[in-house]
Amino acid sequence: MSEAVTKPSLVIPQLIVGLGNPEPKYDQTRHNIGFAAIDALSRSWHIPLGENRKFQGEYGEGIAPGSRKIRLLKPLTYMNRSGQSIQAVTSWYKLPPESVLVIYDDMDLPLGKTRLRLSGSAGGHNGMKSTISHLNTQNFPRLRIGIGKPNDSDNSESISHVLGKFSAAETQLISVLLQFVVECVELSLKQGVEKAMNRCNSRTVELSS
């Protein structure tokens, strides 16, 4: 009897946000992998995205696998003000922070690795700093996509790496990786984020030779 009472409730995303920068010059850059993930979900689930001024972003809603109502968002506020756009959606639909899954790039993870977590700090990521500040909590799920780091840890090298585009070989890997991200998100919707973490955090996506 008591076991059912103490069982934590499942964390099921209702809003999925990909972080990135608007403007064509940022397309396909490592820092915009969050946008690429939302585009992949939009294609896979046939949920079209359109600019929504009220939400300061590209937004779409529809039914995801598992027959759940889902909302997709790409903030167009620039990375360091991503939280404004996210807060506009959560306030409008009265969504709790734990129902927001944020997808973004992480230099500390190698290319091909993903990390799904229920909460955590910004880890120096400006988009996440803004999101945490606007949602007023760190307790919301996030999916980090590894973009690797340059050999030289010089700050200017890091910036050009993050804002650089993937090589041809990396681009092939990214398209496989984004399919895996879609799987991870679908698993989060069907079984909850905690269950999905086991699968999403244990695999490294590689190109089959």
N, C-alpha and C. Protein backbone atom coordinates (compact mmCIF):
# COMPACT_ATOMS: atom_id res chain seq x y z
N MET A 1 0.84 -1.21 0.00
CA MET A 1 0.00 0.00 0.00
C MET A 1 0.87 1.25 0.00
N SER A 2 1.77 1.34 1.00
CA SER A 2 2.56 2.57 1.14
C SER A 2 3.47 2.78 -0.07
N GLU A 3 3.85 1.69 -0.73
CA GLU A 3 4.77 1.82 -1.86
C GLU A 3 4.16 2.69 -2.96
N ALA A 4 2.88 2.49 -3.22
CA ALA A 4 2.22 3.27 -4.28
C ALA A 4 2.20 4.76 -3.94
N VAL A 5 2.10 5.07 -2.66
CA VAL A 5 2.03 6.47 -2.24
C VAL A 5 3.38 7.17 -2.42
N THR A 6 4.48 6.45 -2.11
CA THR A 6 5.80 7.09 -2.14
C THR A 6 6.43 7.07 -3.54
N LYS A 7 5.84 6.35 -4.46
CA LYS A 7 6.41 6.26 -5.80
C LYS A 7 6.42 7.65 -6.45
N PRO A 8 7.58 8.12 -6.95
CA PRO A 8 7.61 9.45 -7.56
C PRO A 8 6.80 9.47 -8.86
N SER A 9 6.18 10.60 -9.13
CA SER A 9 5.38 10.67 -10.34
C SER A 9 6.31 10.77 -11.55
N LEU A 10 5.85 10.24 -12.66
CA LEU A 10 6.64 10.27 -13.89
C LEU A 10 6.80 11.70 -14.39
N VAL A 11 8.00 12.02 -14.87
CA VAL A 11 8.22 13.32 -15.50
C VAL A 11 8.05 13.13 -17.01
N ILE A 12 6.95 13.66 -17.53
CA ILE A 12 6.63 13.53 -18.95
C ILE A 12 6.66 14.94 -19.58
N PRO A 13 7.54 15.18 -20.55
CA PRO A 13 7.59 16.52 -21.16
C PRO A 13 6.29 16.90 -21.88
N GLN A 14 5.93 18.18 -21.77
CA GLN A 14 4.80 18.72 -22.54
C GLN A 14 5.27 19.79 -23.53
N LEU A 15 6.42 20.39 -23.22
CA LEU A 15 7.03 21.39 -24.10
C LEU A 15 8.48 20.98 -24.33
N ILE A 16 8.87 20.87 -25.60
CA ILE A 16 10.26 20.53 -25.92
C ILE A 16 10.90 21.72 -26.61
N VAL A 17 12.00 22.19 -26.03
CA VAL A 17 12.66 23.40 -26.50
C VAL A 17 14.05 23.05 -27.00
N GLY A 18 14.41 23.57 -28.17
CA GLY A 18 15.79 23.43 -28.65
C GLY A 18 16.44 24.80 -28.61
N LEU A 19 17.65 24.89 -28.05
CA LEU A 19 18.32 26.18 -27.95
C LEU A 19 19.22 26.42 -29.16
N GLY A 20 19.25 27.68 -29.59
CA GLY A 20 20.10 28.05 -30.72
C GLY A 20 19.98 29.55 -30.97
N ASN A 21 20.60 30.00 -32.04
CA ASN A 21 20.53 31.41 -32.44
C ASN A 21 19.81 31.53 -33.77
N PRO A 22 18.96 32.59 -33.93
CA PRO A 22 18.34 32.81 -35.23
C PRO A 22 19.39 33.35 -36.22
N GLU A 23 18.96 33.64 -37.43
CA GLU A 23 19.83 34.15 -38.51
C GLU A 23 20.50 33.00 -39.25
N PRO A 24 20.49 33.10 -40.60
CA PRO A 24 21.06 32.03 -41.44
C PRO A 24 22.52 31.71 -41.13
N LYS A 25 23.31 32.70 -40.68
CA LYS A 25 24.75 32.42 -40.45
C LYS A 25 24.97 31.41 -39.33
N TYR A 26 23.97 31.22 -38.48
CA TYR A 26 24.11 30.25 -37.39
C TYR A 26 23.56 28.87 -37.75
N ASP A 27 22.93 28.75 -38.93
CA ASP A 27 22.39 27.45 -39.34
C ASP A 27 23.48 26.40 -39.37
N GLN A 28 23.13 25.20 -38.94
CA GLN A 28 24.04 24.05 -39.00
C GLN A 28 25.32 24.22 -38.18
N THR A 29 25.36 25.20 -37.28
CA THR A 29 26.54 25.32 -36.42
C THR A 29 26.36 24.40 -35.20
N ARG A 30 27.48 24.13 -34.54
CA ARG A 30 27.42 23.23 -33.37
C ARG A 30 26.51 23.79 -32.28
N HIS A 31 26.57 25.11 -32.10
CA HIS A 31 25.78 25.75 -31.04
C HIS A 31 24.28 25.63 -31.30
N ASN A 32 23.92 25.37 -32.57
CA ASN A 32 22.49 25.30 -32.95
C ASN A 32 21.96 23.88 -33.04
N ILE A 33 22.67 22.94 -32.41
CA ILE A 33 22.22 21.54 -32.48
C ILE A 33 20.84 21.37 -31.83
N GLY A 34 20.51 22.25 -30.87
CA GLY A 34 19.18 22.20 -30.25
C GLY A 34 18.08 22.51 -31.27
N PHE A 35 18.34 23.51 -32.13
CA PHE A 35 17.39 23.83 -33.21
C PHE A 35 17.24 22.63 -34.15
N ALA A 36 18.40 22.02 -34.49
CA ALA A 36 18.38 20.86 -35.41
C ALA A 36 17.56 19.72 -34.81
N ALA A 37 17.63 19.55 -33.49
CA ALA A 37 16.86 18.49 -32.83
C ALA A 37 15.37 18.76 -32.93
N ILE A 38 14.96 20.01 -32.74
CA ILE A 38 13.53 20.37 -32.86
C ILE A 38 13.06 20.16 -34.30
N ASP A 39 13.90 20.53 -35.26
CA ASP A 39 13.55 20.30 -36.68
C ASP A 39 13.35 18.81 -36.95
N ALA A 40 14.21 17.98 -36.35
CA ALA A 40 14.10 16.52 -36.54
C ALA A 40 12.80 16.00 -35.93
N LEU A 41 12.43 16.49 -34.75
CA LEU A 41 11.17 16.08 -34.11
C LEU A 41 9.98 16.56 -34.94
N SER A 42 10.07 17.79 -35.43
CA SER A 42 9.00 18.37 -36.24
C SER A 42 8.75 17.52 -37.49
N ARG A 43 9.84 17.09 -38.14
CA ARG A 43 9.71 16.25 -39.35
C ARG A 43 9.15 14.88 -39.00
N SER A 44 9.71 14.29 -37.93
CA SER A 44 9.34 12.93 -37.56
C SER A 44 7.88 12.84 -37.13
N TRP A 45 7.40 13.86 -36.43
CA TRP A 45 6.03 13.84 -35.90
C TRP A 45 5.04 14.62 -36.75
N HIS A 46 5.52 15.18 -37.87
CA HIS A 46 4.64 15.98 -38.77
C HIS A 46 3.96 17.12 -38.01
N ILE A 47 4.76 17.81 -37.22
CA ILE A 47 4.25 19.00 -36.51
C ILE A 47 4.94 20.23 -37.11
N PRO A 48 4.24 20.98 -37.96
CA PRO A 48 4.89 22.14 -38.58
C PRO A 48 5.19 23.24 -37.57
N LEU A 49 6.29 23.95 -37.81
CA LEU A 49 6.69 25.07 -36.96
C LEU A 49 6.43 26.38 -37.71
N GLY A 50 5.97 27.38 -36.99
CA GLY A 50 5.77 28.69 -37.60
C GLY A 50 6.14 29.77 -36.61
N GLU A 51 6.51 30.94 -37.11
CA GLU A 51 6.90 32.00 -36.19
C GLU A 51 5.71 32.45 -35.36
N ASN A 52 5.90 32.55 -34.06
CA ASN A 52 4.85 32.98 -33.15
C ASN A 52 5.39 34.18 -32.37
N ARG A 53 4.85 35.36 -32.67
CA ARG A 53 5.40 36.58 -32.07
C ARG A 53 5.18 36.63 -30.56
N LYS A 54 4.03 36.13 -30.14
CA LYS A 54 3.72 36.15 -28.70
C LYS A 54 4.77 35.36 -27.91
N PHE A 55 5.23 34.25 -28.52
CA PHE A 55 6.20 33.38 -27.85
C PHE A 55 7.65 33.71 -28.23
N GLN A 56 7.84 34.68 -29.11
CA GLN A 56 9.18 35.08 -29.56
C GLN A 56 9.99 33.88 -30.06
N GLY A 57 9.31 33.05 -30.84
CA GLY A 57 10.02 31.87 -31.33
C GLY A 57 9.26 31.18 -32.45
N GLU A 58 9.86 30.13 -32.98
CA GLU A 58 9.17 29.25 -33.92
C GLU A 58 8.50 28.19 -33.05
N TYR A 59 7.20 27.99 -33.28
CA TYR A 59 6.41 27.17 -32.37
C TYR A 59 5.47 26.27 -33.17
N GLY A 60 5.22 25.09 -32.64
CA GLY A 60 4.25 24.19 -33.24
C GLY A 60 3.69 23.27 -32.17
N GLU A 61 2.48 22.79 -32.39
CA GLU A 61 1.92 21.80 -31.45
C GLU A 61 1.18 20.72 -32.20
N GLY A 62 1.13 19.56 -31.61
CA GLY A 62 0.46 18.44 -32.26
C GLY A 62 0.49 17.22 -31.35
N ILE A 63 0.31 16.06 -31.97
CA ILE A 63 0.27 14.81 -31.19
C ILE A 63 1.55 14.04 -31.48
N ALA A 64 2.25 13.68 -30.41
CA ALA A 64 3.49 12.91 -30.54
C ALA A 64 3.19 11.43 -30.34
N PRO A 65 4.15 10.55 -30.67
CA PRO A 65 3.95 9.12 -30.41
C PRO A 65 3.57 8.91 -28.94
N GLY A 66 2.65 7.98 -28.73
CA GLY A 66 2.13 7.79 -27.38
C GLY A 66 0.86 8.60 -27.20
N SER A 67 0.41 9.24 -28.30
CA SER A 67 -0.85 10.01 -28.33
C SER A 67 -0.88 11.14 -27.33
N ARG A 68 0.27 11.76 -27.10
CA ARG A 68 0.32 12.89 -26.16
C ARG A 68 0.38 14.21 -26.90
N LYS A 69 -0.34 15.19 -26.36
CA LYS A 69 -0.25 16.55 -26.89
C LYS A 69 1.15 17.08 -26.58
N ILE A 70 1.84 17.61 -27.60
CA ILE A 70 3.20 18.10 -27.38
C ILE A 70 3.38 19.46 -28.05
N ARG A 71 4.25 20.27 -27.47
CA ARG A 71 4.56 21.59 -28.03
C ARG A 71 6.05 21.65 -28.31
N LEU A 72 6.41 22.21 -29.46
CA LEU A 72 7.81 22.35 -29.85
C LEU A 72 8.15 23.83 -29.95
N LEU A 73 9.36 24.20 -29.52
CA LEU A 73 9.74 25.62 -29.53
C LEU A 73 11.21 25.80 -29.86
N LYS A 74 11.47 26.75 -30.79
CA LYS A 74 12.84 27.23 -31.04
C LYS A 74 12.83 28.73 -30.72
N PRO A 75 13.38 29.15 -29.58
CA PRO A 75 13.38 30.58 -29.24
C PRO A 75 14.17 31.39 -30.28
N LEU A 76 13.61 32.52 -30.68
CA LEU A 76 14.30 33.39 -31.65
C LEU A 76 14.86 34.63 -30.97
N THR A 77 15.13 34.53 -29.68
CA THR A 77 15.54 35.69 -28.87
C THR A 77 17.06 35.82 -28.80
N TYR A 78 17.79 34.92 -29.47
CA TYR A 78 19.23 34.73 -29.29
C TYR A 78 19.46 33.96 -28.00
N MET A 79 20.53 33.20 -28.04
CA MET A 79 20.82 32.20 -27.00
C MET A 79 20.71 32.76 -25.58
N ASN A 80 21.34 33.92 -25.32
CA ASN A 80 21.42 34.39 -23.93
C ASN A 80 20.10 34.95 -23.39
N ARG A 81 19.05 34.96 -24.25
CA ARG A 81 17.74 35.38 -23.75
C ARG A 81 16.68 34.31 -24.03
N SER A 82 17.13 33.07 -24.19
CA SER A 82 16.23 31.95 -24.50
C SER A 82 15.09 31.84 -23.50
N GLY A 83 15.39 32.13 -22.23
CA GLY A 83 14.39 31.97 -21.17
C GLY A 83 13.15 32.82 -21.36
N GLN A 84 13.31 33.98 -22.00
CA GLN A 84 12.14 34.86 -22.23
C GLN A 84 11.07 34.13 -23.04
N SER A 85 11.54 33.51 -24.14
CA SER A 85 10.62 32.80 -25.03
C SER A 85 10.00 31.60 -24.34
N ILE A 86 10.82 30.86 -23.59
CA ILE A 86 10.32 29.66 -22.88
C ILE A 86 9.28 30.07 -21.84
N GLN A 87 9.58 31.13 -21.11
CA GLN A 87 8.65 31.59 -20.08
C GLN A 87 7.33 32.06 -20.69
N ALA A 88 7.41 32.66 -21.87
CA ALA A 88 6.17 33.12 -22.54
C ALA A 88 5.23 31.94 -22.79
N VAL A 89 5.80 30.79 -23.20
CA VAL A 89 4.97 29.59 -23.46
C VAL A 89 4.48 28.98 -22.15
N THR A 90 5.36 28.83 -21.17
CA THR A 90 4.95 28.17 -19.92
C THR A 90 3.90 29.01 -19.18
N SER A 91 4.04 30.33 -19.25
CA SER A 91 3.05 31.20 -18.58
C SER A 91 1.70 31.11 -19.28
N TRP A 92 1.73 31.15 -20.61
CA TRP A 92 0.49 31.14 -21.40
C TRP A 92 -0.30 29.85 -21.17
N TYR A 93 0.41 28.72 -21.17
CA TYR A 93 -0.27 27.42 -21.04
C TYR A 93 -0.25 26.89 -19.60
N LYS A 94 0.31 27.70 -18.68
CA LYS A 94 0.39 27.28 -17.27
C LYS A 94 1.08 25.92 -17.11
N LEU A 95 2.24 25.78 -17.74
CA LEU A 95 2.99 24.52 -17.68
C LEU A 95 4.00 24.58 -16.52
N PRO A 96 4.09 23.51 -15.73
CA PRO A 96 5.10 23.50 -14.66
C PRO A 96 6.50 23.33 -15.28
N PRO A 97 7.54 23.87 -14.63
CA PRO A 97 8.89 23.76 -15.18
C PRO A 97 9.32 22.33 -15.50
N GLU A 98 8.90 21.38 -14.64
CA GLU A 98 9.35 19.99 -14.87
C GLU A 98 8.76 19.37 -16.13
N SER A 99 7.82 20.06 -16.77
CA SER A 99 7.25 19.53 -18.02
C SER A 99 7.98 20.09 -19.24
N VAL A 100 9.06 20.88 -19.00
CA VAL A 100 9.82 21.49 -20.10
C VAL A 100 11.12 20.71 -20.30
N LEU A 101 11.29 20.12 -21.48
CA LEU A 101 12.54 19.42 -21.82
C LEU A 101 13.35 20.33 -22.74
N VAL A 102 14.56 20.70 -22.29
CA VAL A 102 15.41 21.61 -23.07
C VAL A 102 16.56 20.82 -23.69
N ILE A 103 16.75 20.99 -25.00
CA ILE A 103 17.81 20.29 -25.74
C ILE A 103 18.87 21.30 -26.17
N TYR A 104 20.13 21.01 -25.87
CA TYR A 104 21.17 21.98 -26.22
C TYR A 104 22.53 21.30 -26.37
N ASP A 105 23.50 22.06 -26.87
CA ASP A 105 24.85 21.56 -27.15
C ASP A 105 25.71 21.54 -25.89
N ASP A 106 26.66 20.59 -25.83
CA ASP A 106 27.58 20.53 -24.70
C ASP A 106 28.98 20.17 -25.18
N MET A 107 29.93 21.10 -24.96
CA MET A 107 31.32 20.88 -25.37
C MET A 107 32.01 19.83 -24.52
N ASP A 108 31.52 19.59 -23.32
CA ASP A 108 32.18 18.65 -22.42
C ASP A 108 31.83 17.19 -22.74
N LEU A 109 30.91 17.01 -23.67
CA LEU A 109 30.58 15.65 -24.11
C LEU A 109 31.15 15.44 -25.51
N PRO A 110 31.74 14.27 -25.76
CA PRO A 110 32.24 14.01 -27.13
C PRO A 110 31.09 13.90 -28.14
N LEU A 111 31.40 14.14 -29.38
CA LEU A 111 30.42 14.00 -30.46
C LEU A 111 29.89 12.57 -30.47
N GLY A 112 28.58 12.42 -30.53
CA GLY A 112 28.00 11.07 -30.52
C GLY A 112 27.43 10.66 -29.18
N LYS A 113 27.70 11.48 -28.13
CA LYS A 113 27.16 11.17 -26.80
C LYS A 113 26.00 12.11 -26.47
N THR A 114 25.01 11.60 -25.78
CA THR A 114 23.91 12.42 -25.27
C THR A 114 23.78 12.17 -23.77
N ARG A 115 23.28 13.18 -23.07
CA ARG A 115 23.06 13.05 -21.62
C ARG A 115 21.69 13.60 -21.28
N LEU A 116 20.84 12.75 -20.77
CA LEU A 116 19.51 13.16 -20.34
C LEU A 116 19.51 13.24 -18.82
N ARG A 117 19.03 14.35 -18.28
CA ARG A 117 19.01 14.55 -16.83
C ARG A 117 17.68 15.18 -16.40
N LEU A 118 17.30 14.94 -15.14
CA LEU A 118 16.05 15.51 -14.62
C LEU A 118 16.23 16.95 -14.13
N SER A 119 17.49 17.33 -13.82
CA SER A 119 17.74 18.69 -13.32
C SER A 119 19.24 18.93 -13.38
N GLY A 120 19.68 20.14 -12.99
CA GLY A 120 21.11 20.42 -12.97
C GLY A 120 21.40 21.89 -13.20
N SER A 121 22.68 22.23 -13.10
CA SER A 121 23.08 23.64 -13.26
C SER A 121 23.22 23.98 -14.74
N ALA A 122 23.53 25.24 -15.02
CA ALA A 122 23.68 25.69 -16.41
C ALA A 122 25.00 25.23 -17.00
N GLY A 123 25.97 24.92 -16.14
CA GLY A 123 27.27 24.46 -16.64
C GLY A 123 27.95 25.44 -17.58
N GLY A 124 27.72 26.73 -17.36
CA GLY A 124 28.37 27.75 -18.20
C GLY A 124 27.68 28.01 -19.53
N HIS A 125 26.55 27.36 -19.78
CA HIS A 125 25.82 27.55 -21.05
C HIS A 125 24.86 28.74 -20.92
N ASN A 126 25.06 29.77 -21.75
CA ASN A 126 24.24 31.00 -21.60
C ASN A 126 22.76 30.77 -21.81
N GLY A 127 22.41 29.89 -22.74
CA GLY A 127 20.99 29.60 -22.97
C GLY A 127 20.35 28.97 -21.75
N MET A 128 21.11 28.11 -21.08
CA MET A 128 20.59 27.45 -19.88
C MET A 128 20.54 28.41 -18.70
N LYS A 129 21.53 29.31 -18.61
CA LYS A 129 21.50 30.32 -17.53
C LYS A 129 20.20 31.12 -17.63
N SER A 130 19.87 31.54 -18.86
CA SER A 130 18.66 32.33 -19.08
C SER A 130 17.40 31.52 -18.76
N THR A 131 17.41 30.25 -19.17
CA THR A 131 16.25 29.38 -18.93
C THR A 131 16.02 29.17 -17.43
N ILE A 132 17.09 28.88 -16.70
CA ILE A 132 16.99 28.67 -15.25
C ILE A 132 16.48 29.93 -14.57
N SER A 133 17.01 31.09 -15.02
CA SER A 133 16.61 32.35 -14.39
C SER A 133 15.13 32.66 -14.66
N HIS A 134 14.63 32.37 -15.87
CA HIS A 134 13.22 32.68 -16.19
C HIS A 134 12.25 31.65 -15.61
N LEU A 135 12.68 30.39 -15.52
CA LEU A 135 11.79 29.36 -14.93
C LEU A 135 11.92 29.35 -13.41
N ASN A 136 12.96 30.05 -12.93
CA ASN A 136 13.16 30.22 -11.49
C ASN A 136 13.45 28.91 -10.77
N THR A 137 14.03 27.96 -11.49
CA THR A 137 14.38 26.67 -10.90
C THR A 137 15.35 25.95 -11.83
N GLN A 138 16.10 25.00 -11.26
CA GLN A 138 16.96 24.12 -12.07
C GLN A 138 16.27 22.77 -12.29
N ASN A 139 15.08 22.64 -11.70
CA ASN A 139 14.41 21.34 -11.74
C ASN A 139 13.52 21.17 -12.96
N PHE A 140 14.17 21.03 -14.10
CA PHE A 140 13.45 20.68 -15.33
C PHE A 140 14.40 19.80 -16.14
N PRO A 141 13.84 18.83 -16.91
CA PRO A 141 14.71 17.91 -17.65
C PRO A 141 15.46 18.58 -18.78
N ARG A 142 16.63 18.06 -19.09
CA ARG A 142 17.41 18.59 -20.20
C ARG A 142 18.15 17.45 -20.89
N LEU A 143 18.32 17.61 -22.20
CA LEU A 143 19.04 16.63 -23.01
C LEU A 143 20.22 17.36 -23.66
N ARG A 144 21.42 16.99 -23.22
CA ARG A 144 22.62 17.64 -23.76
C ARG A 144 23.17 16.78 -24.90
N ILE A 145 23.54 17.42 -25.98
CA ILE A 145 24.11 16.73 -27.14
C ILE A 145 25.58 17.12 -27.25
N GLY A 146 26.46 16.13 -27.21
CA GLY A 146 27.90 16.40 -27.26
C GLY A 146 28.33 16.97 -28.59
N ILE A 147 29.14 18.03 -28.53
CA ILE A 147 29.71 18.60 -29.77
C ILE A 147 31.24 18.53 -29.72
N GLY A 148 31.78 17.91 -28.67
CA GLY A 148 33.23 17.82 -28.54
C GLY A 148 33.86 19.18 -28.30
N LYS A 149 35.17 19.18 -28.07
CA LYS A 149 35.84 20.47 -27.87
C LYS A 149 37.13 20.51 -28.69
N PRO A 150 37.58 21.73 -29.03
CA PRO A 150 38.82 21.82 -29.81
C PRO A 150 40.01 21.35 -28.97
N ASN A 151 41.09 20.95 -29.65
CA ASN A 151 42.27 20.48 -28.91
C ASN A 151 42.87 21.61 -28.07
N ASP A 152 42.82 22.81 -28.63
CA ASP A 152 43.35 23.97 -27.91
C ASP A 152 42.22 24.54 -27.07
N SER A 153 42.41 24.63 -25.77
CA SER A 153 41.31 25.07 -24.90
C SER A 153 41.24 26.60 -24.76
N ASP A 154 41.99 27.30 -25.61
CA ASP A 154 41.95 28.77 -25.64
C ASP A 154 40.52 29.25 -25.84
N ASN A 155 40.13 30.33 -25.17
CA ASN A 155 38.74 30.79 -25.20
C ASN A 155 38.27 31.14 -26.61
N SER A 156 39.13 31.81 -27.39
CA SER A 156 38.71 32.19 -28.75
C SER A 156 38.53 30.94 -29.61
N GLU A 157 39.36 29.90 -29.35
CA GLU A 157 39.21 28.63 -30.07
C GLU A 157 37.85 28.01 -29.73
N SER A 158 37.50 28.08 -28.45
CA SER A 158 36.22 27.49 -28.02
C SER A 158 35.05 28.17 -28.72
N ILE A 159 35.11 29.51 -28.81
CA ILE A 159 34.02 30.26 -29.45
C ILE A 159 33.91 29.89 -30.93
N SER A 160 35.07 29.84 -31.61
CA SER A 160 34.99 29.52 -33.04
C SER A 160 34.56 28.06 -33.26
N HIS A 161 34.89 27.19 -32.31
CA HIS A 161 34.45 25.79 -32.40
C HIS A 161 32.92 25.70 -32.27
N VAL A 162 32.41 26.37 -31.23
CA VAL A 162 30.97 26.32 -30.95
C VAL A 162 30.17 26.94 -32.10
N LEU A 163 30.68 28.04 -32.65
CA LEU A 163 29.94 28.72 -33.73
C LEU A 163 30.33 28.21 -35.12
N GLY A 164 31.22 27.20 -35.14
CA GLY A 164 31.62 26.63 -36.43
C GLY A 164 30.62 25.57 -36.90
N LYS A 165 30.75 25.21 -38.17
CA LYS A 165 29.86 24.19 -38.75
C LYS A 165 30.53 22.82 -38.64
N PHE A 166 29.72 21.78 -38.67
CA PHE A 166 30.25 20.42 -38.62
C PHE A 166 30.94 20.08 -39.95
N SER A 167 31.98 19.25 -39.86
CA SER A 167 32.63 18.77 -41.09
C SER A 167 31.69 17.80 -41.81
N ALA A 168 32.07 17.42 -43.03
CA ALA A 168 31.20 16.51 -43.81
C ALA A 168 31.00 15.19 -43.06
N ALA A 169 32.08 14.66 -42.50
CA ALA A 169 31.98 13.38 -41.77
C ALA A 169 31.11 13.55 -40.52
N GLU A 170 31.31 14.67 -39.82
CA GLU A 170 30.52 14.94 -38.61
C GLU A 170 29.04 15.10 -38.96
N THR A 171 28.77 15.73 -40.10
CA THR A 171 27.37 15.97 -40.51
C THR A 171 26.64 14.64 -40.70
N GLN A 172 27.35 13.65 -41.25
CA GLN A 172 26.76 12.31 -41.41
C GLN A 172 26.42 11.73 -40.04
N LEU A 173 27.37 11.87 -39.11
CA LEU A 173 27.16 11.35 -37.76
C LEU A 173 25.99 12.06 -37.08
N ILE A 174 25.91 13.38 -37.28
CA ILE A 174 24.85 14.17 -36.65
C ILE A 174 23.47 13.71 -37.13
N SER A 175 23.34 13.36 -38.40
CA SER A 175 22.01 12.94 -38.86
C SER A 175 21.60 11.62 -38.19
N VAL A 176 22.56 10.73 -37.93
CA VAL A 176 22.27 9.48 -37.19
C VAL A 176 21.95 9.82 -35.73
N LEU A 177 22.76 10.73 -35.18
CA LEU A 177 22.59 11.14 -33.79
C LEU A 177 21.21 11.77 -33.55
N LEU A 178 20.77 12.60 -34.49
CA LEU A 178 19.46 13.26 -34.33
C LEU A 178 18.32 12.24 -34.35
N GLN A 179 18.49 11.15 -35.11
CA GLN A 179 17.48 10.09 -35.09
C GLN A 179 17.43 9.44 -33.70
N PHE A 180 18.61 9.30 -33.09
CA PHE A 180 18.69 8.74 -31.74
C PHE A 180 18.04 9.70 -30.74
N VAL A 181 18.24 11.00 -30.93
CA VAL A 181 17.62 12.01 -30.06
C VAL A 181 16.10 11.90 -30.14
N VAL A 182 15.57 11.70 -31.36
CA VAL A 182 14.11 11.53 -31.53
C VAL A 182 13.65 10.31 -30.73
N GLU A 183 14.40 9.20 -30.81
CA GLU A 183 14.07 7.99 -30.04
C GLU A 183 14.04 8.28 -28.54
N CYS A 184 15.07 9.01 -28.07
CA CYS A 184 15.17 9.32 -26.63
C CYS A 184 13.98 10.14 -26.16
N VAL A 185 13.61 11.13 -26.98
CA VAL A 185 12.49 12.00 -26.60
C VAL A 185 11.19 11.20 -26.61
N GLU A 186 11.02 10.34 -27.61
CA GLU A 186 9.80 9.52 -27.68
C GLU A 186 9.71 8.59 -26.47
N LEU A 187 10.85 8.05 -26.05
CA LEU A 187 10.88 7.19 -24.86
C LEU A 187 10.50 8.00 -23.61
N SER A 188 10.99 9.25 -23.55
CA SER A 188 10.64 10.13 -22.41
C SER A 188 9.14 10.38 -22.35
N LEU A 189 8.52 10.50 -23.52
CA LEU A 189 7.07 10.76 -23.57
C LEU A 189 6.27 9.52 -23.18
N LYS A 190 6.78 8.35 -23.56
CA LYS A 190 6.02 7.13 -23.31
C LYS A 190 6.26 6.56 -21.91
N GLN A 191 7.51 6.67 -21.43
CA GLN A 191 7.84 5.99 -20.16
C GLN A 191 8.34 6.95 -19.08
N GLY A 192 8.47 8.23 -19.41
CA GLY A 192 9.01 9.19 -18.44
C GLY A 192 10.50 9.39 -18.63
N VAL A 193 10.98 10.57 -18.24
CA VAL A 193 12.38 10.93 -18.46
C VAL A 193 13.34 9.99 -17.74
N GLU A 194 12.98 9.60 -16.52
CA GLU A 194 13.91 8.79 -15.72
C GLU A 194 14.22 7.46 -16.38
N LYS A 195 13.18 6.80 -16.91
CA LYS A 195 13.37 5.53 -17.62
C LYS A 195 14.22 5.75 -18.87
N ALA A 196 13.92 6.83 -19.59
CA ALA A 196 14.61 7.11 -20.85
C ALA A 196 16.11 7.37 -20.62
N MET A 197 16.46 7.87 -19.43
CA MET A 197 17.86 8.18 -19.12
C MET A 197 18.75 6.96 -19.28
N ASN A 198 18.27 5.79 -18.87
CA ASN A 198 19.08 4.56 -18.95
C ASN A 198 19.55 4.32 -20.38
N ARG A 199 18.63 4.46 -21.32
CA ARG A 199 18.96 4.19 -22.72
C ARG A 199 19.80 5.32 -23.33
N CYS A 200 19.38 6.55 -23.07
CA CYS A 200 19.98 7.69 -23.76
C CYS A 200 21.39 7.99 -23.26
N ASN A 201 21.69 7.62 -22.03
CA ASN A 201 22.99 7.97 -21.47
C ASN A 201 24.02 6.85 -21.64
N SER A 202 23.57 5.68 -22.10
CA SER A 202 24.51 4.55 -22.15
C SER A 202 25.07 4.34 -23.56
N ARG A 203 24.46 4.94 -24.56
CA ARG A 203 24.88 4.65 -25.93
C ARG A 203 25.74 5.77 -26.50
N THR A 204 26.74 5.39 -27.29
CA THR A 204 27.49 6.35 -28.10
C THR A 204 27.13 6.10 -29.54
N VAL A 205 26.67 7.12 -30.23
CA VAL A 205 26.27 6.96 -31.63
C VAL A 205 27.51 7.06 -32.50
N GLU A 206 27.70 6.03 -33.35
CA GLU A 206 28.84 6.03 -34.27
C GLU A 206 28.35 5.69 -35.65
N LEU A 207 29.13 6.08 -36.66
CA LEU A 207 28.78 5.70 -38.03
C LEU A 207 29.24 4.27 -38.25
N SER A 208 28.35 3.44 -38.80
CA SER A 208 28.78 2.08 -39.09
C SER A 208 29.69 2.14 -40.32
N SER A 209 30.83 1.48 -40.24
CA SER A 209 31.79 1.58 -41.34
C SER A 209 31.35 0.72 -42.50
